[in-house]
Structures are given as structure tokens and as C-alpha cells.
């Protein structure tokens, strides 16, 4: 059994911002504001049941992209967690 990281525990307290809702397509600004309110990394859902971290801060993005221990350029491990019938798969 794996245990959630401290970041995952913190995000589990916040409701994910649903980027798949119709309102996001009409006006994404309040959704991005909600993500930024969570801090430099926000918790979101790309589709129902498809969680994702969204980096909202430039410095955090640069730090993450330069940290090969944390960030992988290979999306396959994440893709394996997405249900086949999800609009985010494929």
C-alpha cells in the first residue's frame, strides 16, 4: 500500500476545481482564480474522476520542470490511471 505524500494530503482537503464543467469553456477566469487561491499548485479534475495538479506560479513551474526526480517528461504512468472511456484518455 502506498501512502499519500504531504502535498497529496493537503490537496485532499481542497475540492478539486472541475475544469470539465461547461462554465470553464464559457469563462475560465474564475476557475483559474480558484486554482491560484490554492497556492502555487492547484488541485483540479480534467474530466470526471481524472485528477491533476495545475501549476499556477511561474517560479513553481520552473522549479518543477527542472526537478527530474519529481517531474517526468513521460506521460505514460499518468495515462495508465485515466479510464479508457474518459475524454482525457488517448
Protein backbone atom coordinates (compact mmCIF):
# COMPACT_ATOMS: atom_id res chain seq x y z
CA UNK A 1 0.00 0.00 0.00
CA UNK A 2 1.31 3.44 -0.88
CA UNK A 3 0.78 6.42 1.38
CA UNK A 4 -0.10 9.86 0.04
CA UNK A 5 2.62 12.48 0.02
CA UNK A 6 2.18 15.60 2.17
CA UNK A 7 1.16 17.52 -0.97
CA UNK A 8 -1.46 14.91 -1.83
CA UNK A 9 -2.77 15.02 1.75
CA UNK A 10 -3.06 18.81 1.59
CA UNK A 11 -4.91 18.71 -1.73
CA UNK A 12 -7.29 16.05 -0.47
CA UNK A 13 -8.67 18.73 1.88
CA UNK A 14 -9.49 21.06 -1.01
CA UNK A 15 -12.22 20.30 -3.50
CA UNK A 16 -10.73 19.93 -6.98
CA UNK A 17 -11.53 22.65 -9.47
CA UNK A 18 -13.61 20.99 -12.19
CA UNK A 19 -12.09 22.07 -15.48
CA UNK A 20 -14.55 19.88 -17.37
CA UNK A 21 -17.64 21.90 -16.43
CA UNK A 22 -19.47 23.88 -19.10
CA UNK A 23 -18.70 27.13 -17.26
CA UNK A 24 -14.97 26.63 -17.78
CA UNK A 25 -15.37 26.84 -21.56
CA UNK A 26 -17.54 29.98 -21.27
CA UNK A 27 -15.32 31.84 -18.79
CA UNK A 28 -12.23 30.10 -17.38
CA UNK A 29 -11.15 33.10 -15.26
CA UNK A 30 -12.99 32.11 -12.04
CA UNK A 31 -11.67 28.56 -12.37
CA UNK A 32 -8.09 29.79 -12.70
CA UNK A 33 -8.66 32.16 -9.76
CA UNK A 34 -9.82 29.19 -7.66
CA UNK A 35 -6.69 27.26 -8.65
CA UNK A 36 -4.43 30.21 -7.79
CA UNK A 37 -6.18 30.56 -4.42
CA UNK A 38 -4.94 27.05 -3.56
CA UNK A 39 -1.32 28.22 -3.91
CA UNK A 40 1.42 27.68 -6.48
CA UNK A 41 -0.03 24.27 -7.34
CA UNK A 42 -3.77 23.68 -7.54
CA UNK A 43 -5.86 20.55 -7.46
CA UNK A 44 -8.18 20.03 -10.43
CA UNK A 45 -10.21 17.47 -12.35
CA UNK A 46 -9.60 17.39 -16.10
CA UNK A 47 -12.63 15.15 -16.59
CA UNK A 48 -14.88 13.39 -14.07
CA UNK A 49 -12.61 11.21 -11.96
CA UNK A 50 -9.39 12.37 -13.67
CA UNK A 51 -7.39 14.35 -11.10
CA UNK A 52 -4.48 16.62 -11.97
CA UNK A 53 -2.18 19.14 -10.38
CA UNK A 54 -2.16 22.53 -12.11
CA UNK A 55 0.88 24.71 -11.58
CA UNK A 56 -0.24 28.34 -11.34
CA UNK A 57 3.03 30.04 -10.43
CA UNK A 58 5.91 30.67 -12.84
CA UNK A 59 8.66 30.02 -10.28
CA UNK A 60 6.98 26.78 -9.16
CA UNK A 61 6.68 25.68 -12.80
CA UNK A 62 10.36 26.31 -13.45
CA UNK A 63 11.38 24.52 -10.24
CA UNK A 64 9.19 21.55 -11.11
CA UNK A 65 10.37 21.29 -14.71
CA UNK A 66 14.00 21.31 -13.59
CA UNK A 67 13.43 18.65 -10.92
CA UNK A 68 13.70 15.33 -12.75
CA UNK A 69 13.08 13.40 -9.50
CA UNK A 70 9.57 14.89 -9.22
CA UNK A 71 8.54 15.59 -12.80
CA UNK A 72 8.71 13.03 -15.56
CA UNK A 73 8.52 14.03 -19.20
CA UNK A 74 6.94 10.62 -19.86
CA UNK A 75 3.12 10.86 -19.58
CA UNK A 76 2.54 7.09 -19.72
CA UNK A 77 2.39 6.49 -15.94
CA UNK A 78 -0.30 9.18 -15.62
CA UNK A 79 -2.14 7.96 -18.73
CA UNK A 80 -2.36 4.49 -17.19
CA UNK A 81 -4.53 5.96 -14.40
CA UNK A 82 -7.07 7.53 -16.77
CA UNK A 83 -10.17 5.40 -17.52
CA UNK A 84 -10.41 4.27 -21.16
CA UNK A 85 -13.79 5.98 -21.60
CA UNK A 86 -12.55 9.36 -20.32
CA UNK A 87 -12.30 12.28 -22.72
CA UNK A 88 -8.78 12.77 -21.30
CA UNK A 89 -7.59 9.35 -22.46
CA UNK A 90 -5.85 8.80 -25.72
